[in-house]
Amino acid sequence: EEIYEHGLQCRRNEIADRWQKALSHTIKPELIKTGKVKEVIHRGKALLDHRGLEEFPIPNSTPGFDNAPYITAACWITKDPESGERNMGMYRAQIKGPLRTGIYLTDGNNTAANWAKARAQSKPLEAAAVIGGPVAVAYAATQTAPYGVDELAIAGALVGSPIPLVKAETVDLEVPADAEIVIEGL
């Protein structure tokens, strides 16, 4: 509760009400031209010039159990390939190489539904893994929201203002302008 108090800048007894209001009165994110996340961009050949994902200090979070380093708190953004509705969920991402990750999706989550729809259309699913940035984004990513409800709009409602987004560099998605790191791909 202390973490939520600090992250939401409210008192303990206000947390539940803050969440109820956010879930029932979302605030749509705002698209802006640029943001902190655009300060350093590595793409194309430059990705390997910087060792790709190995540039980051990604740990084995559970030594003796995990088979590889994992990004443990990435907020994965995808879109429904039919409706274009945005979805965000928090998943661990196994590092499989300098340019590859894998995430574990269970059948019951919205990102898995988006992936299933993309596969049924024989299309790749565009994705962006967001690390760091507004704490409300991470809070909203862990919330189980109904399919079609934009978790970034929930995050906006948690803080009382729209979350600023920017266009991703290589995929047709929008990402938080104040994110520390965004990993884009298919």
N, C-alpha and C. Protein backbone atom coordinates (compact mmCIF):
# COMPACT_ATOMS: atom_id res chain seq x y z
N GLU A 1 0.82 -1.20 0.00
CA GLU A 1 0.00 0.00 0.00
C GLU A 1 0.86 1.26 0.00
N GLU A 2 2.01 1.21 0.67
CA GLU A 2 2.88 2.38 0.69
C GLU A 2 3.41 2.69 -0.71
N ILE A 3 3.68 1.66 -1.49
CA ILE A 3 4.15 1.86 -2.86
C ILE A 3 3.07 2.53 -3.70
N TYR A 4 1.83 2.05 -3.58
CA TYR A 4 0.72 2.67 -4.29
C TYR A 4 0.50 4.11 -3.84
N GLU A 5 0.58 4.34 -2.54
CA GLU A 5 0.44 5.69 -1.98
C GLU A 5 1.43 6.64 -2.66
N HIS A 6 2.67 6.21 -2.70
CA HIS A 6 3.73 7.03 -3.29
C HIS A 6 3.53 7.19 -4.80
N GLY A 7 3.28 6.07 -5.48
CA GLY A 7 3.13 6.11 -6.93
C GLY A 7 1.94 6.89 -7.42
N LEU A 8 0.84 6.82 -6.68
CA LEU A 8 -0.38 7.53 -7.07
C LEU A 8 -0.51 8.89 -6.38
N GLN A 9 0.43 9.19 -5.51
CA GLN A 9 0.44 10.45 -4.76
C GLN A 9 -0.92 10.70 -4.09
N CYS A 10 -1.32 9.68 -3.33
CA CYS A 10 -2.57 9.80 -2.58
C CYS A 10 -2.38 9.09 -1.24
N ARG A 11 -3.40 9.15 -0.41
CA ARG A 11 -3.35 8.47 0.89
C ARG A 11 -3.87 7.04 0.75
N ARG A 12 -3.46 6.21 1.68
CA ARG A 12 -3.84 4.79 1.66
C ARG A 12 -5.35 4.60 1.51
N ASN A 13 -6.10 5.35 2.24
CA ASN A 13 -7.55 5.18 2.21
C ASN A 13 -8.18 5.69 0.90
N GLU A 14 -7.39 6.31 0.03
CA GLU A 14 -7.90 6.82 -1.25
C GLU A 14 -7.58 5.89 -2.43
N ILE A 15 -6.76 4.86 -2.20
CA ILE A 15 -6.29 4.00 -3.29
C ILE A 15 -7.45 3.30 -4.00
N ALA A 16 -8.31 2.64 -3.26
CA ALA A 16 -9.42 1.89 -3.87
C ALA A 16 -10.33 2.82 -4.67
N ASP A 17 -10.65 3.98 -4.10
CA ASP A 17 -11.50 4.94 -4.82
C ASP A 17 -10.81 5.44 -6.09
N ARG A 18 -9.50 5.66 -6.03
CA ARG A 18 -8.74 6.13 -7.20
C ARG A 18 -8.86 5.10 -8.32
N TRP A 19 -8.70 3.80 -7.96
CA TRP A 19 -8.81 2.74 -8.96
C TRP A 19 -10.23 2.65 -9.52
N GLN A 20 -11.23 2.70 -8.67
CA GLN A 20 -12.62 2.61 -9.15
C GLN A 20 -12.94 3.75 -10.12
N LYS A 21 -12.50 4.94 -9.77
CA LYS A 21 -12.75 6.08 -10.64
C LYS A 21 -12.00 5.92 -11.97
N ALA A 22 -10.76 5.46 -11.90
CA ALA A 22 -9.95 5.28 -13.12
C ALA A 22 -10.58 4.24 -14.05
N LEU A 23 -11.09 3.16 -13.48
CA LEU A 23 -11.69 2.11 -14.30
C LEU A 23 -13.01 2.54 -14.93
N SER A 24 -13.72 3.45 -14.27
CA SER A 24 -15.02 3.87 -14.80
C SER A 24 -14.98 5.19 -15.56
N HIS A 25 -13.89 5.95 -15.42
CA HIS A 25 -13.77 7.25 -16.10
C HIS A 25 -12.36 7.39 -16.67
N THR A 26 -12.06 6.60 -17.68
CA THR A 26 -10.73 6.61 -18.27
C THR A 26 -10.45 7.96 -18.95
N ILE A 27 -9.16 8.26 -19.09
CA ILE A 27 -8.74 9.49 -19.78
C ILE A 27 -7.86 9.08 -20.95
N LYS A 28 -8.34 9.33 -22.15
CA LYS A 28 -7.65 8.93 -23.37
C LYS A 28 -6.25 9.54 -23.44
N PRO A 29 -5.24 8.76 -23.85
CA PRO A 29 -3.88 9.30 -23.98
C PRO A 29 -3.83 10.38 -25.06
N GLU A 30 -2.75 11.17 -25.01
CA GLU A 30 -2.58 12.28 -25.95
C GLU A 30 -1.34 12.03 -26.80
N LEU A 31 -1.49 12.06 -28.13
CA LEU A 31 -0.36 11.88 -29.03
C LEU A 31 0.39 13.20 -29.18
N ILE A 32 1.70 13.17 -28.90
CA ILE A 32 2.54 14.36 -29.07
C ILE A 32 3.65 14.03 -30.07
N LYS A 33 4.39 15.04 -30.52
CA LYS A 33 5.40 14.82 -31.56
C LYS A 33 6.65 14.11 -31.07
N THR A 34 7.14 14.45 -29.88
CA THR A 34 8.37 13.84 -29.41
C THR A 34 8.39 13.81 -27.88
N GLY A 35 9.34 13.07 -27.34
CA GLY A 35 9.45 12.97 -25.89
C GLY A 35 10.79 12.40 -25.50
N LYS A 36 10.98 12.22 -24.21
CA LYS A 36 12.24 11.73 -23.65
C LYS A 36 12.66 10.40 -24.29
N VAL A 37 11.70 9.55 -24.60
CA VAL A 37 12.01 8.24 -25.16
C VAL A 37 12.71 8.34 -26.52
N LYS A 38 12.63 9.48 -27.18
CA LYS A 38 13.25 9.67 -28.50
C LYS A 38 14.68 10.22 -28.41
N GLU A 39 15.21 10.43 -27.20
CA GLU A 39 16.54 11.03 -27.06
C GLU A 39 17.64 10.16 -27.66
N VAL A 40 17.54 8.84 -27.52
CA VAL A 40 18.52 7.91 -28.08
C VAL A 40 17.75 6.83 -28.83
N ILE A 41 18.06 6.67 -30.11
CA ILE A 41 17.37 5.67 -30.93
C ILE A 41 18.42 4.80 -31.61
N HIS A 42 18.29 3.50 -31.41
CA HIS A 42 19.14 2.53 -32.11
C HIS A 42 18.22 1.71 -33.00
N ARG A 43 18.51 1.67 -34.28
CA ARG A 43 17.71 0.85 -35.19
C ARG A 43 18.59 0.37 -36.33
N GLY A 44 18.12 -0.64 -37.02
CA GLY A 44 18.89 -1.18 -38.13
C GLY A 44 20.22 -1.74 -37.66
N LYS A 45 21.25 -1.46 -38.43
CA LYS A 45 22.59 -1.96 -38.12
C LYS A 45 23.10 -1.44 -36.77
N ALA A 46 22.68 -0.25 -36.39
CA ALA A 46 23.13 0.34 -35.12
C ALA A 46 22.72 -0.50 -33.91
N LEU A 47 21.69 -1.33 -34.06
CA LEU A 47 21.29 -2.19 -32.94
C LEU A 47 22.45 -3.09 -32.52
N LEU A 48 23.10 -3.72 -33.48
CA LEU A 48 24.20 -4.63 -33.14
C LEU A 48 25.48 -3.87 -32.83
N ASP A 49 25.63 -2.65 -33.32
CA ASP A 49 26.76 -1.82 -32.92
C ASP A 49 26.75 -1.60 -31.41
N HIS A 50 25.55 -1.64 -30.83
CA HIS A 50 25.38 -1.44 -29.39
C HIS A 50 25.05 -2.76 -28.68
N ARG A 51 25.30 -3.89 -29.32
CA ARG A 51 25.10 -5.24 -28.77
C ARG A 51 23.63 -5.61 -28.57
N GLY A 52 22.73 -4.89 -29.23
CA GLY A 52 21.31 -5.22 -29.14
C GLY A 52 20.83 -5.22 -27.70
N LEU A 53 20.06 -6.22 -27.35
CA LEU A 53 19.51 -6.32 -26.00
C LEU A 53 20.59 -6.54 -24.95
N GLU A 54 21.75 -7.02 -25.39
CA GLU A 54 22.85 -7.25 -24.44
C GLU A 54 23.47 -5.94 -23.96
N GLU A 55 23.05 -4.82 -24.54
CA GLU A 55 23.50 -3.50 -24.07
C GLU A 55 22.99 -3.23 -22.65
N PHE A 56 21.85 -3.83 -22.30
CA PHE A 56 21.21 -3.55 -21.03
C PHE A 56 21.59 -4.58 -19.97
N PRO A 57 21.69 -4.17 -18.71
CA PRO A 57 22.05 -5.10 -17.63
C PRO A 57 20.83 -5.92 -17.19
N ILE A 58 20.45 -6.89 -18.01
CA ILE A 58 19.27 -7.70 -17.73
C ILE A 58 19.70 -8.93 -16.93
N PRO A 59 19.18 -9.09 -15.71
CA PRO A 59 19.67 -10.17 -14.83
C PRO A 59 18.92 -11.49 -15.04
N ASN A 60 19.51 -12.55 -14.53
CA ASN A 60 18.77 -13.78 -14.26
C ASN A 60 18.04 -13.49 -12.97
N SER A 61 16.74 -13.27 -13.03
CA SER A 61 16.02 -12.80 -11.85
C SER A 61 15.86 -13.89 -10.79
N THR A 62 15.87 -15.14 -11.20
CA THR A 62 15.77 -16.23 -10.24
C THR A 62 16.92 -17.20 -10.51
N PRO A 63 18.13 -16.90 -10.02
CA PRO A 63 19.28 -17.76 -10.27
C PRO A 63 19.00 -19.21 -9.83
N GLY A 64 19.40 -20.13 -10.69
CA GLY A 64 19.16 -21.54 -10.41
C GLY A 64 17.85 -22.06 -10.96
N PHE A 65 16.95 -21.17 -11.34
CA PHE A 65 15.66 -21.57 -11.91
C PHE A 65 15.47 -21.03 -13.32
N ASP A 66 15.76 -19.73 -13.53
CA ASP A 66 15.59 -19.15 -14.86
C ASP A 66 16.68 -19.67 -15.78
N ASN A 67 16.30 -19.97 -17.03
CA ASN A 67 17.22 -20.50 -18.01
C ASN A 67 17.95 -19.42 -18.80
N ALA A 68 17.63 -18.17 -18.54
CA ALA A 68 18.24 -17.05 -19.27
C ALA A 68 17.90 -15.76 -18.53
N PRO A 69 18.54 -14.67 -18.92
CA PRO A 69 18.10 -13.37 -18.38
C PRO A 69 16.68 -13.07 -18.84
N TYR A 70 15.93 -12.38 -17.98
CA TYR A 70 14.56 -11.98 -18.30
C TYR A 70 14.38 -10.49 -17.99
N ILE A 71 13.73 -9.79 -18.92
CA ILE A 71 13.21 -8.46 -18.60
C ILE A 71 11.97 -8.76 -17.76
N THR A 72 11.93 -8.27 -16.54
CA THR A 72 10.88 -8.71 -15.62
C THR A 72 9.68 -7.78 -15.53
N ALA A 73 9.77 -6.56 -16.00
CA ALA A 73 8.65 -5.62 -15.82
C ALA A 73 8.39 -4.80 -17.08
N ALA A 74 8.37 -5.45 -18.23
CA ALA A 74 8.07 -4.73 -19.47
C ALA A 74 6.56 -4.64 -19.66
N CYS A 75 6.10 -3.47 -20.05
CA CYS A 75 4.70 -3.27 -20.41
C CYS A 75 4.60 -3.44 -21.92
N TRP A 76 4.03 -4.55 -22.37
CA TRP A 76 3.96 -4.87 -23.79
C TRP A 76 2.72 -4.26 -24.41
N ILE A 77 2.91 -3.45 -25.45
CA ILE A 77 1.81 -2.81 -26.15
C ILE A 77 1.63 -3.50 -27.50
N THR A 78 0.38 -3.87 -27.79
CA THR A 78 0.01 -4.45 -29.09
C THR A 78 -1.32 -3.83 -29.50
N LYS A 79 -1.76 -4.15 -30.70
CA LYS A 79 -3.09 -3.73 -31.15
C LYS A 79 -3.84 -4.94 -31.68
N ASP A 80 -5.14 -4.92 -31.48
CA ASP A 80 -6.00 -5.92 -32.09
C ASP A 80 -5.88 -5.74 -33.60
N PRO A 81 -5.47 -6.78 -34.35
CA PRO A 81 -5.27 -6.62 -35.79
C PRO A 81 -6.56 -6.39 -36.57
N GLU A 82 -7.71 -6.62 -35.96
CA GLU A 82 -8.98 -6.37 -36.64
C GLU A 82 -9.53 -4.98 -36.34
N SER A 83 -9.58 -4.62 -35.06
CA SER A 83 -10.21 -3.36 -34.66
C SER A 83 -9.21 -2.21 -34.49
N GLY A 84 -7.94 -2.54 -34.29
CA GLY A 84 -6.93 -1.52 -34.03
C GLY A 84 -6.90 -1.05 -32.58
N GLU A 85 -7.73 -1.66 -31.71
CA GLU A 85 -7.76 -1.28 -30.30
C GLU A 85 -6.43 -1.62 -29.64
N ARG A 86 -5.89 -0.68 -28.88
CA ARG A 86 -4.62 -0.88 -28.19
C ARG A 86 -4.81 -1.73 -26.94
N ASN A 87 -3.79 -2.53 -26.63
CA ASN A 87 -3.78 -3.33 -25.42
C ASN A 87 -2.40 -3.23 -24.79
N MET A 88 -2.34 -3.29 -23.48
CA MET A 88 -1.06 -3.29 -22.78
C MET A 88 -1.14 -4.26 -21.61
N GLY A 89 -0.10 -5.07 -21.47
CA GLY A 89 0.00 -5.98 -20.36
C GLY A 89 1.45 -6.13 -19.94
N MET A 90 1.68 -6.51 -18.69
CA MET A 90 3.04 -6.66 -18.20
C MET A 90 3.41 -8.14 -18.23
N TYR A 91 4.50 -8.45 -18.95
CA TYR A 91 4.96 -9.82 -19.09
C TYR A 91 6.47 -9.86 -18.98
N ARG A 92 6.96 -10.98 -18.45
CA ARG A 92 8.41 -11.21 -18.45
C ARG A 92 8.82 -11.55 -19.88
N ALA A 93 10.02 -11.12 -20.24
CA ALA A 93 10.53 -11.39 -21.59
C ALA A 93 11.89 -12.07 -21.48
N GLN A 94 11.96 -13.30 -21.95
CA GLN A 94 13.22 -14.03 -21.94
C GLN A 94 14.11 -13.51 -23.06
N ILE A 95 15.36 -13.23 -22.73
CA ILE A 95 16.33 -12.80 -23.74
C ILE A 95 16.84 -14.06 -24.44
N LYS A 96 16.59 -14.14 -25.74
CA LYS A 96 16.99 -15.32 -26.52
C LYS A 96 18.18 -15.02 -27.43
N GLY A 97 18.54 -13.76 -27.54
CA GLY A 97 19.67 -13.34 -28.36
C GLY A 97 19.69 -11.84 -28.40
N PRO A 98 20.68 -11.25 -29.07
CA PRO A 98 20.78 -9.80 -29.07
C PRO A 98 19.59 -9.09 -29.73
N LEU A 99 18.84 -9.79 -30.57
CA LEU A 99 17.70 -9.18 -31.25
C LEU A 99 16.40 -9.97 -31.05
N ARG A 100 16.37 -10.85 -30.05
CA ARG A 100 15.18 -11.70 -29.85
C ARG A 100 14.80 -11.84 -28.39
N THR A 101 13.50 -11.76 -28.16
CA THR A 101 12.95 -12.09 -26.85
C THR A 101 11.81 -13.07 -27.07
N GLY A 102 11.35 -13.62 -25.99
CA GLY A 102 10.14 -14.43 -26.01
C GLY A 102 9.34 -14.08 -24.78
N ILE A 103 8.02 -14.02 -24.92
CA ILE A 103 7.18 -13.76 -23.75
C ILE A 103 6.20 -14.91 -23.57
N TYR A 104 5.84 -15.14 -22.33
CA TYR A 104 4.89 -16.20 -22.00
C TYR A 104 3.50 -15.59 -21.91
N LEU A 105 2.62 -16.02 -22.79
CA LEU A 105 1.25 -15.54 -22.79
C LEU A 105 0.32 -16.69 -22.45
N THR A 106 -0.57 -16.47 -21.51
CA THR A 106 -1.58 -17.47 -21.21
C THR A 106 -2.80 -17.21 -22.08
N ASP A 107 -3.61 -18.20 -22.27
CA ASP A 107 -4.78 -18.07 -23.15
C ASP A 107 -5.76 -17.00 -22.70
N GLY A 108 -5.77 -16.68 -21.43
CA GLY A 108 -6.78 -15.76 -20.91
C GLY A 108 -6.46 -14.29 -21.00
N ASN A 109 -5.29 -13.91 -21.55
CA ASN A 109 -5.01 -12.47 -21.55
C ASN A 109 -5.21 -11.85 -22.92
N ASN A 110 -5.38 -10.54 -22.93
CA ASN A 110 -5.73 -9.82 -24.15
C ASN A 110 -4.60 -9.80 -25.18
N THR A 111 -3.36 -9.79 -24.74
CA THR A 111 -2.24 -9.83 -25.69
C THR A 111 -2.25 -11.16 -26.43
N ALA A 112 -2.53 -12.24 -25.74
CA ALA A 112 -2.63 -13.55 -26.39
C ALA A 112 -3.76 -13.56 -27.42
N ALA A 113 -4.87 -12.89 -27.11
CA ALA A 113 -5.98 -12.80 -28.06
C ALA A 113 -5.55 -12.05 -29.32
N ASN A 114 -4.79 -10.95 -29.13
CA ASN A 114 -4.30 -10.20 -30.29
C ASN A 114 -3.36 -11.06 -31.13
N TRP A 115 -2.49 -11.81 -30.47
CA TRP A 115 -1.55 -12.66 -31.19
C TRP A 115 -2.30 -13.76 -31.96
N ALA A 116 -3.31 -14.35 -31.35
CA ALA A 116 -4.09 -15.39 -32.02
C ALA A 116 -4.78 -14.83 -33.27
N LYS A 117 -5.32 -13.61 -33.16
CA LYS A 117 -5.96 -12.99 -34.32
C LYS A 117 -4.95 -12.72 -35.43
N ALA A 118 -3.77 -12.25 -35.07
CA ALA A 118 -2.73 -11.99 -36.07
C ALA A 118 -2.31 -13.30 -36.75
N ARG A 119 -2.11 -14.33 -35.97
CA ARG A 119 -1.72 -15.63 -36.53
C ARG A 119 -2.80 -16.18 -37.46
N ALA A 120 -4.07 -16.00 -37.10
CA ALA A 120 -5.16 -16.46 -37.95
C ALA A 120 -5.16 -15.74 -39.30
N GLN A 121 -4.63 -14.52 -39.32
CA GLN A 121 -4.51 -13.75 -40.56
C GLN A 121 -3.16 -13.95 -41.23
N SER A 122 -2.33 -14.83 -40.67
CA SER A 122 -0.96 -15.08 -41.16
C SER A 122 -0.13 -13.81 -41.20
N LYS A 123 -0.32 -12.96 -40.19
CA LYS A 123 0.43 -11.71 -40.07
C LYS A 123 1.21 -11.72 -38.76
N PRO A 124 2.36 -11.06 -38.74
CA PRO A 124 3.06 -10.89 -37.46
C PRO A 124 2.31 -9.88 -36.59
N LEU A 125 2.47 -10.01 -35.30
CA LEU A 125 1.87 -9.05 -34.37
C LEU A 125 2.94 -8.03 -33.99
N GLU A 126 2.69 -6.75 -34.28
CA GLU A 126 3.62 -5.70 -33.88
C GLU A 126 3.53 -5.52 -32.37
N ALA A 127 4.70 -5.29 -31.76
CA ALA A 127 4.74 -5.16 -30.31
C ALA A 127 5.80 -4.15 -29.90
N ALA A 128 5.58 -3.52 -28.77
CA ALA A 128 6.56 -2.61 -28.18
C ALA A 128 6.61 -2.90 -26.68
N ALA A 129 7.80 -3.20 -26.20
CA ALA A 129 8.01 -3.45 -24.77
C ALA A 129 8.50 -2.15 -24.14
N VAL A 130 7.72 -1.62 -23.22
CA VAL A 130 8.01 -0.35 -22.57
C VAL A 130 8.60 -0.62 -21.19
N ILE A 131 9.77 -0.03 -20.95
CA ILE A 131 10.44 -0.20 -19.66
C ILE A 131 10.67 1.18 -19.06
N GLY A 132 10.25 1.38 -17.83
CA GLY A 132 10.42 2.67 -17.17
C GLY A 132 9.39 3.67 -17.65
N GLY A 133 9.34 4.80 -17.00
CA GLY A 133 8.38 5.83 -17.36
C GLY A 133 7.37 6.03 -16.26
N PRO A 134 6.22 6.61 -16.59
CA PRO A 134 5.22 6.91 -15.56
C PRO A 134 4.79 5.66 -14.81
N VAL A 135 4.80 5.71 -13.49
CA VAL A 135 4.48 4.54 -12.67
C VAL A 135 3.04 4.10 -12.91
N ALA A 136 2.15 5.01 -13.22
CA ALA A 136 0.75 4.63 -13.46
C ALA A 136 0.63 3.73 -14.69
N VAL A 137 1.55 3.85 -15.63
CA VAL A 137 1.53 2.97 -16.81
C VAL A 137 1.78 1.53 -16.37
N ALA A 138 2.76 1.33 -15.51
CA ALA A 138 3.04 -0.02 -15.00
C ALA A 138 1.87 -0.53 -14.16
N TYR A 139 1.29 0.32 -13.34
CA TYR A 139 0.14 -0.11 -12.53
C TYR A 139 -0.99 -0.58 -13.45
N ALA A 140 -1.29 0.21 -14.49
CA ALA A 140 -2.39 -0.13 -15.39
C ALA A 140 -2.10 -1.38 -16.20
N ALA A 141 -0.82 -1.62 -16.53
CA ALA A 141 -0.46 -2.80 -17.32
C ALA A 141 -0.73 -4.09 -16.57
N THR A 142 -0.72 -4.05 -15.25
CA THR A 142 -0.97 -5.26 -14.47
C THR A 142 -2.45 -5.46 -14.16
N GLN A 143 -3.26 -4.48 -14.47
CA GLN A 143 -4.70 -4.54 -14.23
C GLN A 143 -5.35 -5.40 -15.32
N THR A 144 -6.19 -6.34 -14.94
CA THR A 144 -6.94 -7.11 -15.92
C THR A 144 -8.14 -6.28 -16.34
N ALA A 145 -8.05 -5.73 -17.53
CA ALA A 145 -9.12 -4.88 -18.05
C ALA A 145 -9.91 -5.66 -19.10
N PRO A 146 -11.18 -5.33 -19.29
CA PRO A 146 -11.95 -6.00 -20.33
C PRO A 146 -11.30 -5.78 -21.70
N TYR A 147 -11.46 -6.76 -22.58
CA TYR A 147 -10.91 -6.66 -23.93
C TYR A 147 -11.45 -5.39 -24.59
N GLY A 148 -10.55 -4.60 -25.18
CA GLY A 148 -10.94 -3.37 -25.85
C GLY A 148 -10.81 -2.13 -24.99
N VAL A 149 -10.56 -2.29 -23.69
CA VAL A 149 -10.34 -1.13 -22.81
C VAL A 149 -8.84 -0.81 -22.85
N ASP A 150 -8.51 0.42 -23.16
CA ASP A 150 -7.12 0.86 -23.28
C ASP A 150 -6.51 1.09 -21.90
N GLU A 151 -5.54 0.26 -21.54
CA GLU A 151 -4.90 0.40 -20.24
C GLU A 151 -4.17 1.73 -20.10
N LEU A 152 -3.73 2.33 -21.21
CA LEU A 152 -3.10 3.64 -21.12
C LEU A 152 -4.12 4.72 -20.76
N ALA A 153 -5.38 4.51 -21.09
CA ALA A 153 -6.45 5.43 -20.66
C ALA A 153 -6.74 5.25 -19.17
N ILE A 154 -6.60 4.02 -18.68
CA ILE A 154 -6.72 3.78 -17.23
C ILE A 154 -5.59 4.49 -16.51
N ALA A 155 -4.36 4.38 -17.05
CA ALA A 155 -3.21 5.05 -16.44
C ALA A 155 -3.44 6.56 -16.38
N GLY A 156 -3.97 7.13 -17.43
CA GLY A 156 -4.27 8.56 -17.43
C GLY A 156 -5.25 8.93 -16.34
N ALA A 157 -6.26 8.11 -16.17
CA ALA A 157 -7.25 8.38 -15.12
C ALA A 157 -6.63 8.25 -13.73
N LEU A 158 -5.67 7.33 -13.57
CA LEU A 158 -5.02 7.19 -12.27
C LEU A 158 -4.27 8.45 -11.87
N VAL A 159 -3.69 9.15 -12.86
CA VAL A 159 -2.94 10.37 -12.54
C VAL A 159 -3.74 11.65 -12.81
N GLY A 160 -4.92 11.50 -13.40
CA GLY A 160 -5.79 12.66 -13.61
C GLY A 160 -5.47 13.49 -14.84
N SER A 161 -4.68 12.95 -15.76
CA SER A 161 -4.39 13.66 -17.01
C SER A 161 -3.95 12.66 -18.07
N PRO A 162 -4.07 13.04 -19.35
CA PRO A 162 -3.70 12.11 -20.41
C PRO A 162 -2.22 11.72 -20.34
N ILE A 163 -1.93 10.45 -20.63
CA ILE A 163 -0.56 9.98 -20.74
C ILE A 163 -0.05 10.41 -22.11
N PRO A 164 1.05 11.18 -22.18
CA PRO A 164 1.57 11.59 -23.49
C PRO A 164 2.20 10.39 -24.21
N LEU A 165 1.83 10.21 -25.47
CA LEU A 165 2.36 9.13 -26.29
C LEU A 165 3.06 9.71 -27.51
N VAL A 166 4.01 8.95 -28.05
CA VAL A 166 4.66 9.27 -29.31
C VAL A 166 4.55 8.05 -30.23
N LYS A 167 4.68 8.30 -31.52
CA LYS A 167 4.70 7.19 -32.48
C LYS A 167 5.96 6.37 -32.27
N ALA A 168 5.82 5.06 -32.34
CA ALA A 168 6.98 4.18 -32.30
C ALA A 168 7.79 4.39 -33.57
N GLU A 169 9.03 3.94 -33.57
CA GLU A 169 9.93 4.14 -34.71
C GLU A 169 9.74 3.12 -35.82
N THR A 170 9.46 1.87 -35.49
CA THR A 170 9.48 0.81 -36.51
C THR A 170 8.19 0.01 -36.60
N VAL A 171 7.25 0.25 -35.71
CA VAL A 171 5.98 -0.45 -35.73
C VAL A 171 4.85 0.58 -35.61
N ASP A 172 3.65 0.20 -36.02
CA ASP A 172 2.51 1.10 -36.01
C ASP A 172 1.83 1.08 -34.65
N LEU A 173 2.55 1.59 -33.65
CA LEU A 173 2.06 1.66 -32.29
C LEU A 173 2.45 3.00 -31.69
N GLU A 174 1.79 3.37 -30.61
CA GLU A 174 2.15 4.55 -29.85
C GLU A 174 2.68 4.07 -28.50
N VAL A 175 3.69 4.77 -27.99
CA VAL A 175 4.33 4.38 -26.73
C VAL A 175 4.44 5.61 -25.83
N PRO A 176 4.55 5.40 -24.51
CA PRO A 176 4.67 6.55 -23.61
C PRO A 176 5.90 7.42 -23.93
N ALA A 177 5.67 8.70 -24.09
CA ALA A 177 6.73 9.65 -24.44
C ALA A 177 7.81 9.73 -23.36
N ASP A 178 7.45 9.41 -22.13
CA ASP A 178 8.39 9.51 -21.01
C ASP A 178 8.98 8.16 -20.61
N ALA A 179 8.85 7.15 -21.45
CA ALA A 179 9.45 5.84 -21.15
C ALA A 179 10.96 5.95 -21.17
N GLU A 180 11.62 5.10 -20.41
CA GLU A 180 13.10 5.06 -20.41
C GLU A 180 13.59 4.30 -21.63
N ILE A 181 12.98 3.13 -21.91
CA ILE A 181 13.41 2.25 -23.00
C ILE A 181 12.16 1.70 -23.67
N VAL A 182 12.19 1.62 -24.99
CA VAL A 182 11.15 0.92 -25.74
C VAL A 182 11.85 -0.03 -26.71
N ILE A 183 11.46 -1.29 -26.66
CA ILE A 183 11.98 -2.30 -27.57
C ILE A 183 10.86 -2.63 -28.53
N GLU A 184 11.08 -2.40 -29.82
CA GLU A 184 10.04 -2.60 -30.82
C GLU A 184 10.35 -3.82 -31.68
N GLY A 185 9.29 -4.46 -32.14
CA GLY A 185 9.50 -5.58 -33.05
C GLY A 185 8.22 -6.29 -33.40
N LEU A 186 8.40 -7.47 -33.95
CA LEU A 186 7.27 -8.31 -34.36
C LEU A 186 7.24 -9.54 -33.47
